[in-house]
Structures are given as structure tokens and as C-alpha cells.
PDB file of N, CA and C in Angstrom:
ATOM      1  N   MET A   1       1.815  14.946   0.389  1.00  0.00           N
ATOM      2  CA  MET A   1       1.650  13.993   1.476  1.00  0.00           C
ATOM      3  C   MET A   1       1.507  14.739   2.792  1.00  0.00           C
ATOM      4  N   ILE A   2       0.521  14.346   3.528  1.00  0.00           N
ATOM      5  CA  ILE A   2       0.242  14.986   4.813  1.00  0.00           C
ATOM      6  C   ILE A   2       1.394  14.790   5.785  1.00  0.00           C
ATOM      7  N   ILE A   3       1.964  13.613   5.807  1.00  0.00           N
ATOM      8  CA  ILE A   3       3.050  13.314   6.751  1.00  0.00           C
ATOM      9  C   ILE A   3       4.249  14.199   6.471  1.00  0.00           C
ATOM     10  N   LEU A   4       4.635  14.281   5.199  1.00  0.00           N
ATOM     11  CA  LEU A   4       5.793  15.109   4.855  1.00  0.00           C
ATOM     12  C   LEU A   4       5.538  16.579   5.155  1.00  0.00           C
ATOM     13  N   ASP A   5       4.323  17.045   4.904  1.00  0.00           N
ATOM     14  CA  ASP A   5       3.990  18.433   5.224  1.00  0.00           C
ATOM     15  C   ASP A   5       4.108  18.695   6.716  1.00  0.00           C
ATOM     16  N   THR A   6       3.590  17.771   7.509  1.00  0.00           N
ATOM     17  CA  THR A   6       3.640  17.930   8.967  1.00  0.00           C
ATOM     18  C   THR A   6       5.084  17.922   9.457  1.00  0.00           C
ATOM     19  N   ILE A   7       5.882  17.004   8.946  1.00  0.00           N
ATOM     20  CA  ILE A   7       7.292  16.939   9.340  1.00  0.00           C
ATOM     21  C   ILE A   7       8.020  18.210   8.934  1.00  0.00           C
ATOM     22  N   SER A   8       7.759  18.693   7.733  1.00  0.00           N
ATOM     23  CA  SER A   8       8.398  19.930   7.259  1.00  0.00           C
ATOM     24  C   SER A   8       8.053  21.113   8.149  1.00  0.00           C
ATOM     25  N   GLU A   9       6.835  21.116   8.666  1.00  0.00           N
ATOM     26  CA  GLU A   9       6.424  22.203   9.555  1.00  0.00           C
ATOM     27  C   GLU A   9       7.093  22.105  10.922  1.00  0.00           C
ATOM     28  N   LEU A  10       7.303  20.898  11.406  1.00  0.00           N
ATOM     29  CA  LEU A  10       7.809  20.700  12.759  1.00  0.00           C
ATOM     30  C   LEU A  10       9.326  20.783  12.871  1.00  0.00           C
ATOM     31  N   LEU A  11      10.053  20.297  11.889  1.00  0.00           N
ATOM     32  CA  LEU A  11      11.513  20.232  11.982  1.00  0.00           C
ATOM     33  C   LEU A  11      12.192  21.582  12.200  1.00  0.00           C
ATOM     34  N   PRO A  12      11.800  22.631  11.484  1.00  0.00           N
ATOM     35  CA  PRO A  12      12.497  23.911  11.711  1.00  0.00           C
ATOM     36  C   PRO A  12      12.388  24.418  13.145  1.00  0.00           C
ATOM     37  N   TYR A  13      11.419  23.931  13.883  1.00  0.00           N
ATOM     38  CA  TYR A  13      11.215  24.398  15.252  1.00  0.00           C
ATOM     39  C   TYR A  13      11.791  23.437  16.280  1.00  0.00           C
ATOM     40  N   GLY A  14      12.545  22.439  15.807  1.00  0.00           N
ATOM     41  CA  GLY A  14      13.182  21.502  16.722  1.00  0.00           C
ATOM     42  C   GLY A  14      12.202  20.582  17.422  1.00  0.00           C
ATOM     43  N   GLU A  15      11.095  20.305  16.787  1.00  0.00           N
ATOM     44  CA  GLU A  15      10.039  19.489  17.385  1.00  0.00           C
ATOM     45  C   GLU A  15      10.231  18.011  17.026  1.00  0.00           C
ATOM     46  N   SER A  16      11.403  17.471  17.284  1.00  0.00           N
ATOM     47  CA  SER A  16      11.706  16.103  16.863  1.00  0.00           C
ATOM     48  C   SER A  16      10.811  15.069  17.549  1.00  0.00           C
ATOM     49  N   LYS A  17      10.394  15.326  18.771  1.00  0.00           N
ATOM     50  CA  LYS A  17       9.513  14.394  19.467  1.00  0.00           C
ATOM     51  C   LYS A  17       8.188  14.280  18.726  1.00  0.00           C
ATOM     52  N   GLN A  18       7.675  15.403  18.250  1.00  0.00           N
ATOM     53  CA  GLN A  18       6.426  15.381  17.499  1.00  0.00           C
ATOM     54  C   GLN A  18       6.624  14.711  16.135  1.00  0.00           C
ATOM     55  N   VAL A  19       7.774  14.895  15.542  1.00  0.00           N
ATOM     56  CA  VAL A  19       8.077  14.224  14.275  1.00  0.00           C
ATOM     57  C   VAL A  19       8.054  12.721  14.488  1.00  0.00           C
ATOM     58  N   ASP A  20       8.667  12.254  15.558  1.00  0.00           N
ATOM     59  CA  ASP A  20       8.645  10.829  15.879  1.00  0.00           C
ATOM     60  C   ASP A  20       7.215  10.325  16.026  1.00  0.00           C
ATOM     61  N   GLN A  21       6.360  11.117  16.643  1.00  0.00           N
ATOM     62  CA  GLN A  21       4.967  10.735  16.826  1.00  0.00           C
ATOM     63  C   GLN A  21       4.229  10.662  15.489  1.00  0.00           C
ATOM     64  N   VAL A  22       4.497  11.598  14.594  1.00  0.00           N
ATOM     65  CA  VAL A  22       3.862  11.608  13.275  1.00  0.00           C
ATOM     66  C   VAL A  22       4.291  10.379  12.484  1.00  0.00           C
ATOM     67  N   VAL A  23       5.580  10.091  12.488  1.00  0.00           N
ATOM     68  CA  VAL A  23       6.091   8.927  11.756  1.00  0.00           C
ATOM     69  C   VAL A  23       5.529   7.640  12.358  1.00  0.00           C
ATOM     70  N   SER A  24       5.537   7.538  13.665  1.00  0.00           N
ATOM     71  CA  SER A  24       5.008   6.352  14.339  1.00  0.00           C
ATOM     72  C   SER A  24       3.528   6.158  14.030  1.00  0.00           C
ATOM     73  N   SER A  25       2.795   7.237  14.019  1.00  0.00           N
ATOM     74  CA  SER A  25       1.368   7.185  13.704  1.00  0.00           C
ATOM     75  C   SER A  25       1.134   6.717  12.265  1.00  0.00           C
ATOM     76  N   ALA A  26       1.955   7.193  11.342  1.00  0.00           N
ATOM     77  CA  ALA A  26       1.832   6.797   9.939  1.00  0.00           C
ATOM     78  C   ALA A  26       2.139   5.312   9.759  1.00  0.00           C
ATOM     79  N   ILE A  27       3.143   4.828  10.462  1.00  0.00           N
ATOM     80  CA  ILE A  27       3.501   3.406  10.387  1.00  0.00           C
ATOM     81  C   ILE A  27       2.371   2.554  10.967  1.00  0.00           C
ATOM     82  N   ASP A  28       1.859   2.966  12.120  1.00  0.00           N
ATOM     83  CA  ASP A  28       0.744   2.235  12.728  1.00  0.00           C
ATOM     84  C   ASP A  28      -0.451   2.178  11.783  1.00  0.00           C
ATOM     85  N   TYR A  29      -0.721   3.289  11.123  1.00  0.00           N
ATOM     86  CA  TYR A  29      -1.844   3.368  10.169  1.00  0.00           C
ATOM     87  C   TYR A  29      -1.682   2.342   9.056  1.00  0.00           C
ATOM     88  N   GLU A  30      -0.489   2.213   8.515  1.00  0.00           N
ATOM     89  CA  GLU A  30      -0.241   1.264   7.428  1.00  0.00           C
ATOM     90  C   GLU A  30      -0.502  -0.174   7.864  1.00  0.00           C
ATOM     91  N   PHE A  31      -0.192  -0.491   9.124  1.00  0.00           N
ATOM     92  CA  PHE A  31      -0.316  -1.860   9.591  1.00  0.00           C
ATOM     93  C   PHE A  31      -1.634  -2.159  10.302  1.00  0.00           C
ATOM     94  N   THR A  32      -2.350  -1.148  10.760  1.00  0.00           N
ATOM     95  CA  THR A  32      -3.609  -1.405  11.475  1.00  0.00           C
ATOM     96  C   THR A  32      -4.837  -1.001  10.669  1.00  0.00           C
ATOM     97  N   ASP A  33      -4.708  -0.023   9.801  1.00  0.00           N
ATOM     98  CA  ASP A  33      -5.831   0.430   8.966  1.00  0.00           C
ATOM     99  C   ASP A  33      -5.485   0.234   7.497  1.00  0.00           C
ATOM    100  N   THR A  34      -4.988  -0.940   7.189  1.00  0.00           N
ATOM    101  CA  THR A  34      -4.489  -1.232   5.846  1.00  0.00           C
ATOM    102  C   THR A  34      -5.560  -1.006   4.795  1.00  0.00           C
ATOM    103  N   ARG A  35      -6.760  -1.471   5.072  1.00  0.00           N
ATOM    104  CA  ARG A  35      -7.859  -1.337   4.100  1.00  0.00           C
ATOM    105  C   ARG A  35      -8.070   0.132   3.736  1.00  0.00           C
ATOM    106  N   ASP A  36      -8.065   0.986   4.718  1.00  0.00           N
ATOM    107  CA  ASP A  36      -8.235   2.418   4.470  1.00  0.00           C
ATOM    108  C   ASP A  36      -7.005   2.989   3.762  1.00  0.00           C
ATOM    109  N   ALA A  37      -5.827   2.521   4.155  1.00  0.00           N
ATOM    110  CA  ALA A  37      -4.576   3.031   3.572  1.00  0.00           C
ATOM    111  C   ALA A  37      -4.477   2.739   2.078  1.00  0.00           C
ATOM    112  N   ILE A  38      -5.111   1.656   1.621  1.00  0.00           N
ATOM    113  CA  ILE A  38      -5.020   1.283   0.203  1.00  0.00           C
ATOM    114  C   ILE A  38      -6.294   1.638  -0.573  1.00  0.00           C
ATOM    115  N   SER A  39      -7.212   2.336   0.059  1.00  0.00           N
ATOM    116  CA  SER A  39      -8.506   2.613  -0.570  1.00  0.00           C
ATOM    117  C   SER A  39      -8.395   3.406  -1.872  1.00  0.00           C
ATOM    118  N   ASP A  40      -7.325   4.146  -2.047  1.00  0.00           N
ATOM    119  CA  ASP A  40      -7.161   4.938  -3.270  1.00  0.00           C
ATOM    120  C   ASP A  40      -6.342   4.213  -4.341  1.00  0.00           C
ATOM    121  N   LEU A  41      -5.919   2.994  -4.065  1.00  0.00           N
ATOM    122  CA  LEU A  41      -5.145   2.222  -5.041  1.00  0.00           C
ATOM    123  C   LEU A  41      -6.105   1.367  -5.866  1.00  0.00           C
ATOM    124  N   ASP A  42      -6.073   1.549  -7.184  1.00  0.00           N
ATOM    125  CA  ASP A  42      -7.067   0.908  -8.043  1.00  0.00           C
ATOM    126  C   ASP A  42      -6.496  -0.013  -9.106  1.00  0.00           C
ATOM    127  N   SER A  43      -5.226  -0.320  -9.024  1.00  0.00           N
ATOM    128  CA  SER A  43      -4.661  -1.215 -10.035  1.00  0.00           C
ATOM    129  C   SER A  43      -3.811  -2.283  -9.364  1.00  0.00           C
ATOM    130  N   ALA A  44      -3.672  -3.389 -10.073  1.00  0.00           N
ATOM    131  CA  ALA A  44      -2.859  -4.487  -9.556  1.00  0.00           C
ATOM    132  C   ALA A  44      -1.414  -4.041  -9.350  1.00  0.00           C
ATOM    133  N   ASP A  45      -0.906  -3.212 -10.253  1.00  0.00           N
ATOM    134  CA  ASP A  45       0.472  -2.724 -10.119  1.00  0.00           C
ATOM    135  C   ASP A  45       0.652  -1.904  -8.842  1.00  0.00           C
ATOM    136  N   GLU A  46      -0.275  -0.987  -8.598  1.00  0.00           N
ATOM    137  CA  GLU A  46      -0.180  -0.151  -7.395  1.00  0.00           C
ATOM    138  C   GLU A  46      -0.246  -1.011  -6.132  1.00  0.00           C
ATOM    139  N   LEU A  47      -1.152  -1.971  -6.128  1.00  0.00           N
ATOM    140  CA  LEU A  47      -1.305  -2.818  -4.947  1.00  0.00           C
ATOM    141  C   LEU A  47      -0.095  -3.721  -4.743  1.00  0.00           C
ATOM    142  N   SER A  48       0.465  -4.230  -5.819  1.00  0.00           N
ATOM    143  CA  SER A  48       1.677  -5.054  -5.718  1.00  0.00           C
ATOM    144  C   SER A  48       2.843  -4.228  -5.188  1.00  0.00           C
ATOM    145  N   GLU A  49       2.972  -3.005  -5.673  1.00  0.00           N
ATOM    146  CA  GLU A  49       4.021  -2.113  -5.167  1.00  0.00           C
ATOM    147  C   GLU A  49       3.816  -1.824  -3.684  1.00  0.00           C
ATOM    148  N   HIS A  50       2.554  -1.712  -3.274  1.00  0.00           N
ATOM    149  CA  HIS A  50       2.282  -1.430  -1.867  1.00  0.00           C
ATOM    150  C   HIS A  50       2.673  -2.614  -0.989  1.00  0.00           C
ATOM    151  N   ILE A  51       2.474  -3.833  -1.491  1.00  0.00           N
ATOM    152  CA  ILE A  51       2.919  -5.014  -0.746  1.00  0.00           C
ATOM    153  C   ILE A  51       4.433  -4.955  -0.553  1.00  0.00           C
ATOM    154  N   ASP A  52       5.163  -4.611  -1.613  1.00  0.00           N
ATOM    155  CA  ASP A  52       6.623  -4.476  -1.502  1.00  0.00           C
ATOM    156  C   ASP A  52       6.995  -3.407  -0.475  1.00  0.00           C
ATOM    157  N   PHE A  53       6.268  -2.283  -0.522  1.00  0.00           N
ATOM    158  CA  PHE A  53       6.491  -1.194   0.434  1.00  0.00           C
ATOM    159  C   PHE A  53       6.274  -1.685   1.862  1.00  0.00           C
ATOM    160  N   LEU A  54       5.198  -2.431   2.081  1.00  0.00           N
ATOM    161  CA  LEU A  54       4.898  -2.928   3.429  1.00  0.00           C
ATOM    162  C   LEU A  54       5.978  -3.885   3.933  1.00  0.00           C
ATOM    163  N   TYR A  55       6.494  -4.734   3.044  1.00  0.00           N
ATOM    164  CA  TYR A  55       7.577  -5.634   3.454  1.00  0.00           C
ATOM    165  C   TYR A  55       8.830  -4.840   3.822  1.00  0.00           C
ATOM    166  N   SER A  56       9.142  -3.818   3.049  1.00  0.00           N
ATOM    167  CA  SER A  56      10.308  -2.976   3.369  1.00  0.00           C
ATOM    168  C   SER A  56      10.104  -2.266   4.696  1.00  0.00           C
ATOM    169  N   LEU A  57       8.906  -1.723   4.884  1.00  0.00           N
ATOM    170  CA  LEU A  57       8.592  -1.021   6.122  1.00  0.00           C
ATOM    171  C   LEU A  57       8.635  -1.984   7.314  1.00  0.00           C
ATOM    172  N   ALA A  58       8.175  -3.195   7.113  1.00  0.00           N
ATOM    173  CA  ALA A  58       8.191  -4.195   8.189  1.00  0.00           C
ATOM    174  C   ALA A  58       9.613  -4.548   8.602  1.00  0.00           C
ATOM    175  N   LYS A  59      10.514  -4.635   7.630  1.00  0.00           N
ATOM    176  CA  LYS A  59      11.914  -4.937   7.954  1.00  0.00           C
ATOM    177  C   LYS A  59      12.518  -3.845   8.833  1.00  0.00           C
ATOM    178  N   ILE A  60      12.171  -2.613   8.531  1.00  0.00           N
ATOM    179  CA  ILE A  60      12.722  -1.479   9.281  1.00  0.00           C
ATOM    180  C   ILE A  60      12.108  -1.371  10.669  1.00  0.00           C
ATOM    181  N   THR A  61      10.797  -1.624  10.759  1.00  0.00           N
ATOM    182  CA  THR A  61      10.074  -1.365  12.005  1.00  0.00           C
ATOM    183  C   THR A  61       9.854  -2.586  12.883  1.00  0.00           C
ATOM    184  N   GLY A  62      10.041  -3.783  12.314  1.00  0.00           N
ATOM    185  CA  GLY A  62       9.792  -4.998  13.085  1.00  0.00           C
ATOM    186  C   GLY A  62       8.333  -5.420  13.104  1.00  0.00           C
ATOM    187  N   ASN A  63       7.476  -4.753  12.344  1.00  0.00           N
ATOM    188  CA  ASN A  63       6.071  -5.147  12.248  1.00  0.00           C
ATOM    189  C   ASN A  63       5.938  -6.409  11.408  1.00  0.00           C
ATOM    190  N   ASP A  64       4.881  -7.161  11.668  1.00  0.00           N
ATOM    191  CA  ASP A  64       4.601  -8.380  10.907  1.00  0.00           C
ATOM    192  C   ASP A  64       3.761  -8.000   9.677  1.00  0.00           C
ATOM    193  N   PRO A  65       4.270  -8.235   8.472  1.00  0.00           N
ATOM    194  CA  PRO A  65       3.559  -7.816   7.269  1.00  0.00           C
ATOM    195  C   PRO A  65       2.506  -8.804   6.780  1.00  0.00           C
ATOM    196  N   ASP A  66       2.381  -9.972   7.419  1.00  0.00           N
ATOM    197  CA  ASP A  66       1.499 -11.013   6.892  1.00  0.00           C
ATOM    198  C   ASP A  66       0.030 -10.595   6.846  1.00  0.00           C
ATOM    199  N   HIS A  67      -0.461  -9.995   7.920  1.00  0.00           N
ATOM    200  CA  HIS A  67      -1.868  -9.566   7.928  1.00  0.00           C
ATOM    201  C   HIS A  67      -2.113  -8.484   6.876  1.00  0.00           C
ATOM    202  N   THR A  68      -1.214  -7.524   6.807  1.00  0.00           N
ATOM    203  CA  THR A  68      -1.401  -6.444   5.836  1.00  0.00           C
ATOM    204  C   THR A  68      -1.319  -6.973   4.409  1.00  0.00           C
ATOM    205  N   LYS A  69      -0.431  -7.937   4.176  1.00  0.00           N
ATOM    206  CA  LYS A  69      -0.340  -8.535   2.844  1.00  0.00           C
ATOM    207  C   LYS A  69      -1.659  -9.212   2.491  1.00  0.00           C
ATOM    208  N   ALA A  70      -2.257  -9.906   3.446  1.00  0.00           N
ATOM    209  CA  ALA A  70      -3.536 -10.581   3.205  1.00  0.00           C
ATOM    210  C   ALA A  70      -4.633  -9.578   2.862  1.00  0.00           C
ATOM    211  N   VAL A  71      -4.636  -8.429   3.514  1.00  0.00           N
ATOM    212  CA  VAL A  71      -5.626  -7.389   3.229  1.00  0.00           C
ATOM    213  C   VAL A  71      -5.443  -6.857   1.814  1.00  0.00           C
ATOM    214  N   VAL A  72      -4.204  -6.600   1.425  1.00  0.00           N
ATOM    215  CA  VAL A  72      -3.919  -6.090   0.087  1.00  0.00           C
ATOM    216  C   VAL A  72      -4.256  -7.159  -0.960  1.00  0.00           C
ATOM    217  N   GLN A  73      -3.939  -8.406  -0.671  1.00  0.00           N
ATOM    218  CA  GLN A  73      -4.254  -9.497  -1.597  1.00  0.00           C
ATOM    219  C   GLN A  73      -5.768  -9.632  -1.776  1.00  0.00           C
ATOM    220  N   GLU A  74      -6.502  -9.439  -0.703  1.00  0.00           N
ATOM    221  CA  GLU A  74      -7.962  -9.458  -0.769  1.00  0.00           C
ATOM    222  C   GLU A  74      -8.472  -8.367  -1.718  1.00  0.00           C
ATOM    223  N   ARG A  75      -7.869  -7.191  -1.628  1.00  0.00           N
ATOM    224  CA  ARG A  75      -8.240  -6.077  -2.516  1.00  0.00           C
ATOM    225  C   ARG A  75      -7.887  -6.412  -3.964  1.00  0.00           C
ATOM    226  N   LEU A  76      -6.751  -7.039  -4.192  1.00  0.00           N
ATOM    227  CA  LEU A  76      -6.371  -7.479  -5.539  1.00  0.00           C
ATOM    228  C   LEU A  76      -7.410  -8.452  -6.098  1.00  0.00           C
ATOM    229  N   ASN A  77      -7.857  -9.389  -5.287  1.00  0.00           N
ATOM    230  CA  ASN A  77      -8.872 -10.342  -5.714  1.00  0.00           C
ATOM    231  C   ASN A  77     -10.182  -9.643  -6.055  1.00  0.00           C
ATOM    232  N   GLU A  78     -10.542  -8.630  -5.279  1.00  0.00           N
ATOM    233  CA  GLU A  78     -11.754  -7.858  -5.561  1.00  0.00           C
ATOM    234  C   GLU A  78     -11.649  -7.166  -6.912  1.00  0.00           C
ATOM    235  N   LEU A  79     -10.492  -6.598  -7.197  1.00  0.00           N
ATOM    236  CA  LEU A  79     -10.304  -5.929  -8.487  1.00  0.00           C
ATOM    237  C   LEU A  79     -10.457  -6.914  -9.636  1.00  0.00           C
ATOM    238  N   GLU A  80      -9.901  -8.096  -9.476  1.00  0.00           N
ATOM    239  CA  GLU A  80     -10.018  -9.115 -10.521  1.00  0.00           C
ATOM    240  C   GLU A  80     -11.475  -9.515 -10.722  1.00  0.00           C
ATOM    241  N   ASP A  81     -12.235  -9.590  -9.630  1.00  0.00           N
ATOM    242  CA  ASP A  81     -13.647  -9.964  -9.715  1.00  0.00           C
ATOM    243  C   ASP A  81     -14.505  -8.872 -10.345  1.00  0.00           C
ATOM    244  N   ASP A  82     -14.045  -7.632 -10.275  1.00  0.00           N
ATOM    245  CA  ASP A  82     -14.798  -6.503 -10.821  1.00  0.00           C
ATOM    246  C   ASP A  82     -14.799  -6.471 -12.346  1.00  0.00           C
ATOM    247  N   TYR A  83     -13.849  -7.159 -12.975  1.00  0.00           N
ATOM    248  CA  TYR A  83     -13.733  -7.117 -14.429  1.00  0.00           C
ATOM    249  C   TYR A  83     -14.220  -8.423 -15.034  1.00  0.00           C
ATOM    250  N   PRO A  84     -15.156  -8.352 -15.984  1.00  0.00           N
ATOM    251  CA  PRO A  84     -15.597  -9.577 -16.669  1.00  0.00           C
ATOM    252  C   PRO A  84     -14.431 -10.226 -17.416  1.00  0.00           C
ATOM    253  N   ALA A  85     -14.566 -11.484 -17.744  1.00  0.00           N
ATOM    254  CA  ALA A  85     -13.500 -12.247 -18.400  1.00  0.00           C
ATOM    255  C   ALA A  85     -13.010 -11.566 -19.668  1.00  0.00           C
ATOM    256  N   GLU A  86     -13.914 -10.954 -20.449  1.00  0.00           N
ATOM    257  CA  GLU A  86     -13.498 -10.295 -21.688  1.00  0.00           C
ATOM    258  C   GLU A  86     -12.543  -9.131 -21.420  1.00  0.00           C
ATOM    259  N   GLU A  87     -12.769  -8.425 -20.346  1.00  0.00           N
ATOM    260  CA  GLU A  87     -11.949  -7.252 -20.043  1.00  0.00           C
ATOM    261  C   GLU A  87     -10.609  -7.634 -19.429  1.00  0.00           C
ATOM    262  N   LYS A  88     -10.495  -8.818 -18.858  1.00  0.00           N
ATOM    263  CA  LYS A  88      -9.238  -9.223 -18.227  1.00  0.00           C
ATOM    264  C   LYS A  88      -8.099  -9.270 -19.226  1.00  0.00           C
ATOM    265  N   SER A  89      -8.409  -9.559 -20.481  1.00  0.00           N
ATOM    266  CA  SER A  89      -7.349  -9.617 -21.478  1.00  0.00           C
ATOM    267  C   SER A  89      -6.684  -8.263 -21.658  1.00  0.00           C
ATOM    268  N   PHE A  90      -7.397  -7.194 -21.328  1.00  0.00           N
ATOM    269  CA  PHE A  90      -6.826  -5.860 -21.386  1.00  0.00           C
ATOM    270  C   PHE A  90      -5.696  -5.719 -20.360  1.00  0.00           C
ATOM    271  N   PHE A  91      -5.883  -6.320 -19.197  1.00  0.00           N
ATOM    272  CA  PHE A  91      -4.899  -6.221 -18.126  1.00  0.00           C
ATOM    273  C   PHE A  91      -3.903  -7.370 -18.141  1.00  0.00           C
ATOM    274  N   PHE A  92      -4.368  -8.535 -18.579  1.00  0.00           N
ATOM    275  CA  PHE A  92      -3.530  -9.714 -18.600  1.00  0.00           C
ATOM    276  C   PHE A  92      -3.478 -10.219 -20.040  1.00  0.00           C
ATOM    277  N   PRO A  93      -2.400 -10.001 -20.749  1.00  0.00           N
ATOM    278  CA  PRO A  93      -2.327 -10.375 -22.171  1.00  0.00           C
ATOM    279  C   PRO A  93      -2.633 -11.848 -22.395  1.00  0.00           C
ATOM    280  N   ARG A  94      -3.378 -12.110 -23.454  1.00  0.00           N
ATOM    281  CA  ARG A  94      -3.682 -13.486 -23.833  1.00  0.00           C
ATOM    282  C   ARG A  94      -2.511 -14.077 -24.570  1.00  0.00           C
ATOM    283  N   LYS A  95      -2.386 -15.390 -24.477  1.00  0.00           N
ATOM    284  CA  LYS A  95      -1.333 -16.075 -25.206  1.00  0.00           C
ATOM    285  C   LYS A  95      -1.688 -16.084 -26.692  1.00  0.00           C
ATOM    286  N   LYS A  96      -0.703 -15.931 -27.536  1.00  0.00           N
ATOM    287  CA  LYS A  96      -0.927 -15.982 -28.971  1.00  0.00           C
ATOM    288  C   LYS A  96      -1.122 -17.425 -29.400  1.00  0.00           C
ATOM    289  N   LEU A  97      -2.048 -17.610 -30.320  1.00  0.00           N
ATOM    290  CA  LEU A  97      -2.293 -18.944 -30.851  1.00  0.00           C
ATOM    291  C   LEU A  97      -1.230 -19.303 -31.847  1.00  0.00           C
ATOM    292  N   ARG A  98      -0.790 -20.555 -31.822  1.00  0.00           N
ATOM    293  CA  ARG A  98       0.201 -21.021 -32.790  1.00  0.00           C
ATOM    294  C   ARG A  98      -0.521 -21.395 -34.079  1.00  0.00           C
ATOM    295  N   LYS A  99       0.124 -21.124 -35.192  1.00  0.00           N
ATOM    296  CA  LYS A  99      -0.460 -21.486 -36.489  1.00  0.00           C
ATOM    297  C   LYS A  99       0.149 -22.738 -37.022  1.00  0.00           C
TER     298      LYS A  99
END
């Protein structure tokens, strides 16, 4: 992770102000460039976990998670649209037929 690498480089030198800036920048990125932040997430599980992460981060930082949740939900919908109905059963188990 770029953020952790940057923080690791700065802390030994007592650069706490710069660490605060790096963390603040990373938080802003999650809430303002959400689409870019989730561009490498390709599964419903990853995206759902990211929504949970955003809610946790919002509680700590006071940011409003509603817009970011909508962006992630939009990406989830796109993933569902990318798979034909036959392939969805691979991701979403079909109900067993009763005999």
C-alpha cells in the first residue's frame, strides 16, 4: 500500500504533520474519487466489504457515506449486468427443486 509505505518513510523522521496530510488525502480520495478507488475491485464480495469499510471510515471521520455507497452500488449493478443469466447461477446459487 502506497499510504503505508509513505507513512513508514515519514514516521522515523518525526514528520507527523506530513503523515496527517497523507492520511487526510487518502480519506478524501475514498470519499471524492470513489469510482477510481474501487476500480480494481471486481467481485460483489469485495465491493460489499468496501461499503462496510466506507461506513466504518465515515464513523471515524464524520464523512457522509451515502454518496460513496451509491457509487459502489452502481458498480455492483454493472457487475451483475456484465454476466448473462446463465452465468449468474455461478455467483448466486439456484434454489433446489423439490421432488
